[in-house]
Amino acid sequence: MAWSFRISPDLALFGVSRLDPAEEQALQTSPLRRYLAEDVRRKSPARAAAEAVERIHGDTHDFVLHFDVDVIAGFQATNLPAASGLQLDELRHAFEVFVTQKHLAAIEVAGYNPTKDPDGSAAASIVDFIAGILSVRREKMQETAAAAAASAAAAKPAPVPVDGAIKPDGDASALPVAPPPAPGDAWSSDTLDANEQREPPESLDQSASETPGETEDSHS
């Protein structure tokens, strides 16, 4: 059956080991990035994965990781098993790059056929694989959060001295409390002005305050 489709350039095929003739023809004129299994091995899974993330702008935009299990070499619990796909260890190195991206929005798992997995061993291998890579993501996110917290703590301003005491930033309760004024010590700017008006300046000649006609002899 003939078919056609339009593909966004922000998509990538990763680890594919075979393409149908119709798929190959469509991809020849498509901007979609392709990383065939043999190319992944040649570049190394981690390097190829990092390049794929950059090409689809996954380092700056959210993206979805669609994991079709028929990409696994020799995986039989699928309708289209591939003998020349990627080994689980190769996939693990690539997925460790994918899942540690902060813009990873979701992981889809597809292609598993339970009727071809009577003892559940294939399902168990997929569950273990997903659990392992998600634990890597968790560790990476914890490291990132710890680094951000340390950076924020280093950028926090130092405590500000207040009246000889150190006031922890943002802690108003730690401000020093002034002792209550002793009797006669309380004053304000108003009382200070009034005192200044009542008291003569020290430089005023005391003779100006003497009664006219009075001299030192008159007091003797």
C-alpha atoms as a PDB file:
ATOM      1  CA  MET A   1       0.000   0.000   0.000  1.00  0.00           C
ATOM      2  CA  ALA A   2       1.381   3.377  -0.976  1.00  0.00           C
ATOM      3  CA  TRP A   3       1.532   5.949   1.793  1.00  0.00           C
ATOM      4  CA  SER A   4       3.105   9.280   2.546  1.00  0.00           C
ATOM      5  CA  PHE A   5       3.633  11.424   5.598  1.00  0.00           C
ATOM      6  CA  ARG A   6       5.074  14.740   6.668  1.00  0.00           C
ATOM      7  CA  ILE A   7       7.765  14.722   9.325  1.00  0.00           C
ATOM      8  CA  SER A   8       8.914  17.584  11.502  1.00  0.00           C
ATOM      9  CA  PRO A   9      12.663  18.307  11.424  1.00  0.00           C
ATOM     10  CA  ASP A  10      12.670  18.152  15.240  1.00  0.00           C
ATOM     11  CA  LEU A  11      12.389  14.360  15.188  1.00  0.00           C
ATOM     12  CA  ALA A  12      15.066  11.695  15.040  1.00  0.00           C
ATOM     13  CA  LEU A  13      15.166   7.969  14.423  1.00  0.00           C
ATOM     14  CA  PHE A  14      17.742   6.379  16.682  1.00  0.00           C
ATOM     15  CA  GLY A  15      19.128   2.848  16.583  1.00  0.00           C
ATOM     16  CA  VAL A  16      17.019   1.675  13.641  1.00  0.00           C
ATOM     17  CA  SER A  17      18.547  -1.359  11.939  1.00  0.00           C
ATOM     18  CA  ARG A  18      16.225  -1.703   8.973  1.00  0.00           C
ATOM     19  CA  LEU A  19      13.750   0.362   6.952  1.00  0.00           C
ATOM     20  CA  ASP A  20      10.984  -0.732   4.638  1.00  0.00           C
ATOM     21  CA  PRO A  21      11.252   0.448   1.005  1.00  0.00           C
ATOM     22  CA  ALA A  22       8.386   2.915   1.484  1.00  0.00           C
ATOM     23  CA  GLU A  23      10.008   4.267   4.655  1.00  0.00           C
ATOM     24  CA  GLU A  24      13.367   4.596   2.942  1.00  0.00           C
ATOM     25  CA  GLN A  25      11.811   6.475   0.031  1.00  0.00           C
ATOM     26  CA  ALA A  26       9.944   8.874   2.326  1.00  0.00           C
ATOM     27  CA  LEU A  27      13.007   9.562   4.426  1.00  0.00           C
ATOM     28  CA  GLN A  28      15.118  10.470   1.412  1.00  0.00           C
ATOM     29  CA  THR A  29      13.245  13.763   1.092  1.00  0.00           C
ATOM     30  CA  SER A  30      12.558  14.262   4.809  1.00  0.00           C
ATOM     31  CA  PRO A  31      14.479  16.531   7.187  1.00  0.00           C
ATOM     32  CA  LEU A  32      14.127  13.892   9.907  1.00  0.00           C
ATOM     33  CA  ARG A  33      17.483  12.882  11.402  1.00  0.00           C
ATOM     34  CA  ARG A  34      18.472   9.236  11.167  1.00  0.00           C
ATOM     35  CA  TYR A  35      20.909   7.386  13.394  1.00  0.00           C
ATOM     36  CA  LEU A  36      21.003   3.810  12.166  1.00  0.00           C
ATOM     37  CA  ALA A  37      22.304   1.112  14.486  1.00  0.00           C
ATOM     38  CA  GLU A  38      25.567   0.861  12.552  1.00  0.00           C
ATOM     39  CA  ASP A  39      26.070   4.647  12.799  1.00  0.00           C
ATOM     40  CA  VAL A  40      25.419   4.570  16.536  1.00  0.00           C
ATOM     41  CA  ARG A  41      28.034   1.875  17.006  1.00  0.00           C
ATOM     42  CA  ARG A  42      30.550   3.728  14.871  1.00  0.00           C
ATOM     43  CA  LYS A  43      30.173   7.023  16.760  1.00  0.00           C
ATOM     44  CA  SER A  44      29.563   5.376  20.161  1.00  0.00           C
ATOM     45  CA  PRO A  45      26.043   5.292  21.649  1.00  0.00           C
ATOM     46  CA  ALA A  46      26.618   8.182  24.089  1.00  0.00           C
ATOM     47  CA  ARG A  47      28.113  10.486  21.453  1.00  0.00           C
ATOM     48  CA  ALA A  48      25.396   9.685  18.923  1.00  0.00           C
ATOM     49  CA  ALA A  49      22.706  10.279  21.549  1.00  0.00           C
ATOM     50  CA  ALA A  50      24.169  13.658  22.487  1.00  0.00           C
ATOM     51  CA  GLU A  51      24.244  14.650  18.819  1.00  0.00           C
ATOM     52  CA  ALA A  52      20.634  13.548  18.350  1.00  0.00           C
ATOM     53  CA  VAL A  53      19.506  15.640  21.338  1.00  0.00           C
ATOM     54  CA  GLU A  54      21.268  18.687  19.922  1.00  0.00           C
ATOM     55  CA  ARG A  55      19.834  18.186  16.433  1.00  0.00           C
ATOM     56  CA  ILE A  56      16.221  18.065  17.673  1.00  0.00           C
ATOM     57  CA  HIS A  57      16.862  21.001  20.071  1.00  0.00           C
ATOM     58  CA  GLY A  58      16.183  18.761  23.042  1.00  0.00           C
ATOM     59  CA  ASP A  59      18.702  20.716  25.089  1.00  0.00           C
ATOM     60  CA  THR A  60      16.436  23.786  24.978  1.00  0.00           C
ATOM     61  CA  HIS A  61      12.924  22.421  24.288  1.00  0.00           C
ATOM     62  CA  ASP A  62      10.773  19.670  25.775  1.00  0.00           C
ATOM     63  CA  PHE A  63      10.847  16.378  23.905  1.00  0.00           C
ATOM     64  CA  VAL A  64       9.355  12.878  24.140  1.00  0.00           C
ATOM     65  CA  LEU A  65      11.438   9.706  24.008  1.00  0.00           C
ATOM     66  CA  HIS A  66       9.583   6.985  22.103  1.00  0.00           C
ATOM     67  CA  PHE A  67      11.149   3.611  22.873  1.00  0.00           C
ATOM     68  CA  ASP A  68      10.115   0.883  20.428  1.00  0.00           C
ATOM     69  CA  VAL A  69      11.455  -2.371  21.834  1.00  0.00           C
ATOM     70  CA  ASP A  70      12.049  -3.868  18.399  1.00  0.00           C
ATOM     71  CA  VAL A  71      15.223  -1.778  18.310  1.00  0.00           C
ATOM     72  CA  ILE A  72      16.769  -4.274  20.761  1.00  0.00           C
ATOM     73  CA  ALA A  73      18.873  -6.911  19.038  1.00  0.00           C
ATOM     74  CA  GLY A  74      17.319 -10.352  19.356  1.00  0.00           C
ATOM     75  CA  PHE A  75      14.274  -9.179  21.338  1.00  0.00           C
ATOM     76  CA  GLN A  76      11.571 -11.726  20.474  1.00  0.00           C
ATOM     77  CA  ALA A  77       8.549 -10.355  22.342  1.00  0.00           C
ATOM     78  CA  THR A  78       7.671  -8.026  19.476  1.00  0.00           C
ATOM     79  CA  ASN A  79       6.066  -8.363  16.080  1.00  0.00           C
ATOM     80  CA  LEU A  80       9.149  -7.253  14.154  1.00  0.00           C
ATOM     81  CA  PRO A  81      12.257  -8.565  15.933  1.00  0.00           C
ATOM     82  CA  ALA A  82      15.594  -7.264  14.641  1.00  0.00           C
ATOM     83  CA  ALA A  83      18.700  -9.401  14.717  1.00  0.00           C
ATOM     84  CA  SER A  84      20.990  -6.461  13.954  1.00  0.00           C
ATOM     85  CA  GLY A  85      19.593  -3.922  16.400  1.00  0.00           C
ATOM     86  CA  LEU A  86      21.359  -2.448  19.405  1.00  0.00           C
ATOM     87  CA  GLN A  87      22.354  -4.499  22.419  1.00  0.00           C
ATOM     88  CA  LEU A  88      20.874  -3.505  25.778  1.00  0.00           C
ATOM     89  CA  ASP A  89      24.252  -2.247  26.978  1.00  0.00           C
ATOM     90  CA  GLU A  90      24.559  -0.034  23.896  1.00  0.00           C
ATOM     91  CA  LEU A  91      21.048   1.265  24.435  1.00  0.00           C
ATOM     92  CA  ARG A  92      21.787   1.925  28.104  1.00  0.00           C
ATOM     93  CA  HIS A  93      24.705   4.226  27.247  1.00  0.00           C
ATOM     94  CA  ALA A  94      22.508   6.139  24.813  1.00  0.00           C
ATOM     95  CA  PHE A  95      19.525   6.320  27.148  1.00  0.00           C
ATOM     96  CA  GLU A  96      21.651   7.664  29.984  1.00  0.00           C
ATOM     97  CA  VAL A  97      22.226  10.700  27.773  1.00  0.00           C
ATOM     98  CA  PHE A  98      18.544  10.992  26.857  1.00  0.00           C
ATOM     99  CA  VAL A  99      17.093  10.671  30.356  1.00  0.00           C
ATOM    100  CA  THR A 100      19.478  13.127  32.001  1.00  0.00           C
ATOM    101  CA  GLN A 101      18.215  15.957  29.807  1.00  0.00           C
ATOM    102  CA  LYS A 102      16.156  18.384  31.891  1.00  0.00           C
ATOM    103  CA  HIS A 103      13.730  18.912  28.992  1.00  0.00           C
ATOM    104  CA  LEU A 104      12.735  15.245  28.736  1.00  0.00           C
ATOM    105  CA  ALA A 105       8.943  15.397  29.099  1.00  0.00           C
ATOM    106  CA  ALA A 106       7.908  11.726  28.767  1.00  0.00           C
ATOM    107  CA  ILE A 107       9.029   8.224  27.837  1.00  0.00           C
ATOM    108  CA  GLU A 108       6.817   5.980  25.726  1.00  0.00           C
ATOM    109  CA  VAL A 109       7.384   2.234  25.469  1.00  0.00           C
ATOM    110  CA  ALA A 110       5.908   0.505  22.419  1.00  0.00           C
ATOM    111  CA  GLY A 111       6.158  -2.665  20.376  1.00  0.00           C
ATOM    112  CA  TYR A 112       5.970  -5.215  23.201  1.00  0.00           C
ATOM    113  CA  ASN A 113       3.780  -8.250  22.406  1.00  0.00           C
ATOM    114  CA  PRO A 114       2.864 -10.226  25.564  1.00  0.00           C
ATOM    115  CA  THR A 115       1.653 -13.210  23.515  1.00  0.00           C
ATOM    116  CA  LYS A 116       5.257 -13.788  22.495  1.00  0.00           C
ATOM    117  CA  ASP A 117       6.463 -13.605  26.083  1.00  0.00           C
ATOM    118  CA  PRO A 118       4.772 -16.541  27.895  1.00  0.00           C
ATOM    119  CA  ASP A 119       7.100 -16.536  30.907  1.00  0.00           C
ATOM    120  CA  GLY A 120       7.304 -12.742  31.199  1.00  0.00           C
ATOM    121  CA  SER A 121      11.089 -12.708  31.017  1.00  0.00           C
ATOM    122  CA  ALA A 122      11.143 -10.183  28.160  1.00  0.00           C
ATOM    123  CA  ALA A 123       8.822  -7.866  30.071  1.00  0.00           C
ATOM    124  CA  ALA A 124      11.035  -8.175  33.142  1.00  0.00           C
ATOM    125  CA  SER A 125      14.101  -7.172  31.121  1.00  0.00           C
ATOM    126  CA  ILE A 126      12.317  -4.068  29.828  1.00  0.00           C
ATOM    127  CA  VAL A 127      11.118  -3.106  33.322  1.00  0.00           C
ATOM    128  CA  ASP A 128      14.626  -3.521  34.725  1.00  0.00           C
ATOM    129  CA  PHE A 129      16.048  -1.465  31.876  1.00  0.00           C
ATOM    130  CA  ILE A 130      13.590   1.399  32.396  1.00  0.00           C
ATOM    131  CA  ALA A 131      14.074   1.320  36.170  1.00  0.00           C
ATOM    132  CA  GLY A 132      17.841   1.494  35.739  1.00  0.00           C
ATOM    133  CA  ILE A 133      17.843   4.506  33.436  1.00  0.00           C
ATOM    134  CA  LEU A 134      15.277   6.324  35.566  1.00  0.00           C
ATOM    135  CA  SER A 135      17.500   5.865  38.607  1.00  0.00           C
ATOM    136  CA  VAL A 136      20.272   7.550  36.608  1.00  0.00           C
ATOM    137  CA  ARG A 137      17.917  10.441  35.882  1.00  0.00           C
ATOM    138  CA  ARG A 138      16.995  10.715  39.562  1.00  0.00           C
ATOM    139  CA  GLU A 139      20.644  10.890  40.607  1.00  0.00           C
ATOM    140  CA  LYS A 140      21.338  13.528  37.959  1.00  0.00           C
ATOM    141  CA  MET A 141      18.390  15.652  39.077  1.00  0.00           C
ATOM    142  CA  GLN A 142      19.523  15.407  42.711  1.00  0.00           C
ATOM    143  CA  GLU A 143      23.040  16.518  41.751  1.00  0.00           C
ATOM    144  CA  THR A 144      21.621  19.439  39.779  1.00  0.00           C
ATOM    145  CA  ALA A 145      19.397  20.500  42.693  1.00  0.00           C
ATOM    146  CA  ALA A 146      22.294  20.286  45.156  1.00  0.00           C
ATOM    147  CA  ALA A 147      24.527  22.364  42.868  1.00  0.00           C
ATOM    148  CA  ALA A 148      21.802  24.996  42.500  1.00  0.00           C
ATOM    149  CA  ALA A 149      21.320  25.164  46.279  1.00  0.00           C
ATOM    150  CA  ALA A 150      25.068  25.553  46.841  1.00  0.00           C
ATOM    151  CA  SER A 151      25.235  28.304  44.231  1.00  0.00           C
ATOM    152  CA  ALA A 152      22.333  30.148  45.839  1.00  0.00           C
ATOM    153  CA  ALA A 153      23.948  29.865  49.272  1.00  0.00           C
ATOM    154  CA  ALA A 154      27.231  31.225  47.937  1.00  0.00           C
ATOM    155  CA  ALA A 155      25.461  34.198  46.376  1.00  0.00           C
ATOM    156  CA  LYS A 156      23.575  35.055  49.587  1.00  0.00           C
ATOM    157  CA  PRO A 157      24.760  38.398  51.044  1.00  0.00           C
ATOM    158  CA  ALA A 158      26.781  38.354  54.260  1.00  0.00           C
ATOM    159  CA  PRO A 159      25.103  39.348  57.562  1.00  0.00           C
ATOM    160  CA  VAL A 160      24.958  43.111  58.091  1.00  0.00           C
ATOM    161  CA  PRO A 161      26.444  44.575  61.319  1.00  0.00           C
ATOM    162  CA  VAL A 162      23.862  46.532  63.344  1.00  0.00           C
ATOM    163  CA  ASP A 163      25.053  48.503  66.405  1.00  0.00           C
ATOM    164  CA  GLY A 164      27.985  46.199  66.890  1.00  0.00           C
ATOM    165  CA  ALA A 165      25.885  43.044  66.486  1.00  0.00           C
ATOM    166  CA  ILE A 166      25.507  40.774  63.477  1.00  0.00           C
ATOM    167  CA  LYS A 167      21.971  40.665  62.112  1.00  0.00           C
ATOM    168  CA  PRO A 168      21.242  37.463  60.169  1.00  0.00           C
ATOM    169  CA  ASP A 169      19.739  38.462  56.824  1.00  0.00           C
ATOM    170  CA  GLY A 170      15.954  38.538  56.991  1.00  0.00           C
ATOM    171  CA  ASP A 171      15.745  37.738  60.714  1.00  0.00           C
ATOM    172  CA  ALA A 172      14.179  40.787  62.369  1.00  0.00           C
ATOM    173  CA  SER A 173      13.986  38.998  65.705  1.00  0.00           C
ATOM    174  CA  ALA A 174      17.777  39.010  65.942  1.00  0.00           C
ATOM    175  CA  LEU A 175      18.052  42.806  65.930  1.00  0.00           C
ATOM    176  CA  PRO A 176      19.631  44.204  69.123  1.00  0.00           C
ATOM    177  CA  VAL A 177      17.095  45.759  71.505  1.00  0.00           C
ATOM    178  CA  ALA A 178      18.064  49.110  73.035  1.00  0.00           C
ATOM    179  CA  PRO A 179      17.746  49.327  76.872  1.00  0.00           C
ATOM    180  CA  PRO A 180      14.959  51.551  78.235  1.00  0.00           C
ATOM    181  CA  PRO A 181      16.146  55.125  78.897  1.00  0.00           C
ATOM    182  CA  ALA A 182      16.999  56.091  82.469  1.00  0.00           C
ATOM    183  CA  PRO A 183      15.027  58.902  84.135  1.00  0.00           C
ATOM    184  CA  GLY A 184      16.073  62.217  82.664  1.00  0.00           C
ATOM    185  CA  ASP A 185      17.730  60.585  79.666  1.00  0.00           C
ATOM    186  CA  ALA A 186      14.750  60.613  77.360  1.00  0.00           C
ATOM    187  CA  TRP A 187      14.779  63.377  74.793  1.00  0.00           C
ATOM    188  CA  SER A 188      13.531  64.219  71.389  1.00  0.00           C
ATOM    189  CA  SER A 189      14.420  66.723  68.737  1.00  0.00           C
ATOM    190  CA  ASP A 190      11.651  68.992  70.058  1.00  0.00           C
ATOM    191  CA  THR A 191      13.001  69.090  73.612  1.00  0.00           C
ATOM    192  CA  LEU A 192      16.505  69.523  72.284  1.00  0.00           C
ATOM    193  CA  ASP A 193      15.453  72.593  70.310  1.00  0.00           C
ATOM    194  CA  ALA A 194      13.641  74.037  73.341  1.00  0.00           C
ATOM    195  CA  ASN A 195      16.727  73.581  75.555  1.00  0.00           C
ATOM    196  CA  GLU A 196      18.907  75.243  72.999  1.00  0.00           C
ATOM    197  CA  GLN A 197      16.563  78.251  72.943  1.00  0.00           C
ATOM    198  CA  ARG A 198      16.450  78.598  76.775  1.00  0.00           C
ATOM    199  CA  GLU A 199      20.156  78.174  77.492  1.00  0.00           C
ATOM    200  CA  PRO A 200      22.419  81.080  76.512  1.00  0.00           C
ATOM    201  CA  PRO A 201      25.433  80.278  74.438  1.00  0.00           C
ATOM    202  CA  GLU A 202      28.566  79.547  76.390  1.00  0.00           C
ATOM    203  CA  SER A 203      30.415  82.331  74.567  1.00  0.00           C
ATOM    204  CA  LEU A 204      28.020  85.030  75.889  1.00  0.00           C
ATOM    205  CA  ASP A 205      29.806  87.560  78.127  1.00  0.00           C
ATOM    206  CA  GLN A 206      28.654  87.016  81.702  1.00  0.00           C
ATOM    207  CA  SER A 207      28.898  90.784  82.347  1.00  0.00           C
ATOM    208  CA  ALA A 208      25.866  91.256  80.093  1.00  0.00           C
ATOM    209  CA  SER A 209      23.747  89.432  82.668  1.00  0.00           C
ATOM    210  CA  GLU A 210      24.796  91.660  85.606  1.00  0.00           C
ATOM    211  CA  THR A 211      22.440  94.350  86.886  1.00  0.00           C
ATOM    212  CA  PRO A 212      23.402  97.822  85.698  1.00  0.00           C
ATOM    213  CA  GLY A 213      25.288  99.712  88.347  1.00  0.00           C
ATOM    214  CA  GLU A 214      26.455  96.589  90.134  1.00  0.00           C
ATOM    215  CA  THR A 215      30.176  96.084  90.390  1.00  0.00           C
ATOM    216  CA  GLU A 216      32.407  93.812  92.321  1.00  0.00           C
ATOM    217  CA  ASP A 217      32.804  96.554  94.920  1.00  0.00           C
ATOM    218  CA  SER A 218      29.100  96.774  95.530  1.00  0.00           C
ATOM    219  CA  HIS A 219      29.036  93.131  96.610  1.00  0.00           C
ATOM    220  CA  SER A 220      31.800  93.561  99.093  1.00  0.00           C
END
